[in-house]
């Protein structure tokens, strides 16, 4: 069987019109219809009247059942759709529908002693899924006549189809119980929660390896958006699904992603403006089960409550009920500059752009311990607009990935994005920092480098060997703690006025969202201690660079206006 085109490049038009997100596929229509017929007959045990899926289910999910099972070729025993990712908001019967699909797969299977798994993020969700499956069995007379088609083992959360010995077991995610499995089909529920486990990517890789030996095997991810910026294996699988959907990549994953078109999902233009997605007339796009397990009217009530609570709660609510991806978490004790940070992103900003457009550059450096990041911030002043252009990079010793396992997936993501370098020894990091600073200096743009005076001796020594030193006026200590209050407020004002622009690096968004503000008398303090395990070193490096740029340094080499504007001949 040849590969199919699983892309859906017109998905934005489809979702606006309420049309199917499943592309037109050359399915085995007879097998697809049989799967849908089985699915339709199953009863939903926790709904009054215990209706069947035919009576209470949505066509949108029947299309998924048809696509998954209709992609299996009974002659070659190959399944063309090997993976499927369903991104859907809460309250759209995700777990119940998933349980029905896995029951359908068990009943459609013809492999003796095949193993099917439904993996839940927690014991509670696992119990809910098992109760749905056990209830579906109890409510169907054909399943319970005589000795019964199924052997139900509640203590194991496992059902066995007696005739073939095939099993469907519900498990909560655990690195130990997932090792060594060779399933014919796996459904992983709430991938965004499972992705928080430090070993999630390794375990999912092992499950994939087990499925390879089963030509008809499938891997089904169902999940809502994350309450925080996507990370780790969830980030990776979501990026892959979007790339296949948009036609930017090929693969055997069918992406069904209920998320707003880009113009609706984009950040708002100002903090006092509503987000585009706050218009409830748009919510039907991402609520395929509207009118069944959930209604837009009920969502409006929840929205009003979240809106009154806080910006943080509104974003959290939107991520769960509208699948709005959070670019940066906002906490109650956040730094004021975080509120407009996302609005100041310009992807055209880069280190090269700063060197090309600016007349002077200040650089800030912070951190560098084995348990810290080493942050470098390059801050340039645009020679025409006078805007401040910021670019950052960070280094981490490999031991940080072990010491801070809870943040390891984030750090690996930043490494893949090119904003973080993981090193075997910090000497390499210090050398690379010095290389970048020397590059700016050779461009004739470096005014000064600002450091936290504590713990930077090795970098200062390396710079001194390159002729960049305090004696030459290019290295300066920047007072920290409460003495940094003025710099912090200057940064806030520059962001608020639209004068500080950055490339929207996820690393920096993470650091900004980690920053906690503590009042100290009439001053405010942002410290690593207050921010806990969340790293802020690149942000502190930014403050060091701002402290120097705020002194309005003179351009090192003044450029002629004709270099940028040209000469008009008359």
Foldseek 3Di string as FASTA:
>chain_A
DDADQQAAQCVQVCLQVVHALGDDDPFQQVQLVVLLVQQQQFFFQPDVVRHGCVVFNFVNLSVVLSQLRRQADPVVRARNQAEEEEAAFPLLCLLLSVLSSQVSCQVSDDAAQAEEEEEEQDPVSLLVSLVRNVSRLVPDCQQVPDVGQWDQDNVQSKIARVVRRYIYHYYYDDLVVLAPDQHQEYEYEAVQSLQLALCSVVSVVRNVVSPVVRSNRHYYYYHFFDLFAGWFPRVVVVVVLVCSHNVVDDDSYNYHHQAHPPVQLDDDQDLVDDRSVVPLVSQCSRNSSDPHSHHSVVVVVVLVVQVVPDPQSNSSSCRRHRVRHHLFHADPQAQLLLSLQSNQADQVADPVCQLVFFLAWEKFWEDQDQQAKIKIKIWGQGPPPRFIEIDMAIEHEPCNCVVCSSCNRVQVVLVVVVRYHYDPDSVVVLLVNLVSQVVSVVSQHQQAYEYQPPDCVVSQVVNVVVVQHVVVVHYDYDDAFQSLQVLSVVSSVSSNVSRYHYNSRSLQSQLSNLWGWDDDPPGIHTDCVVSDSRHNRNVVRVSRRSVVVVVVDDRRDDDDPCVPVNDDDD
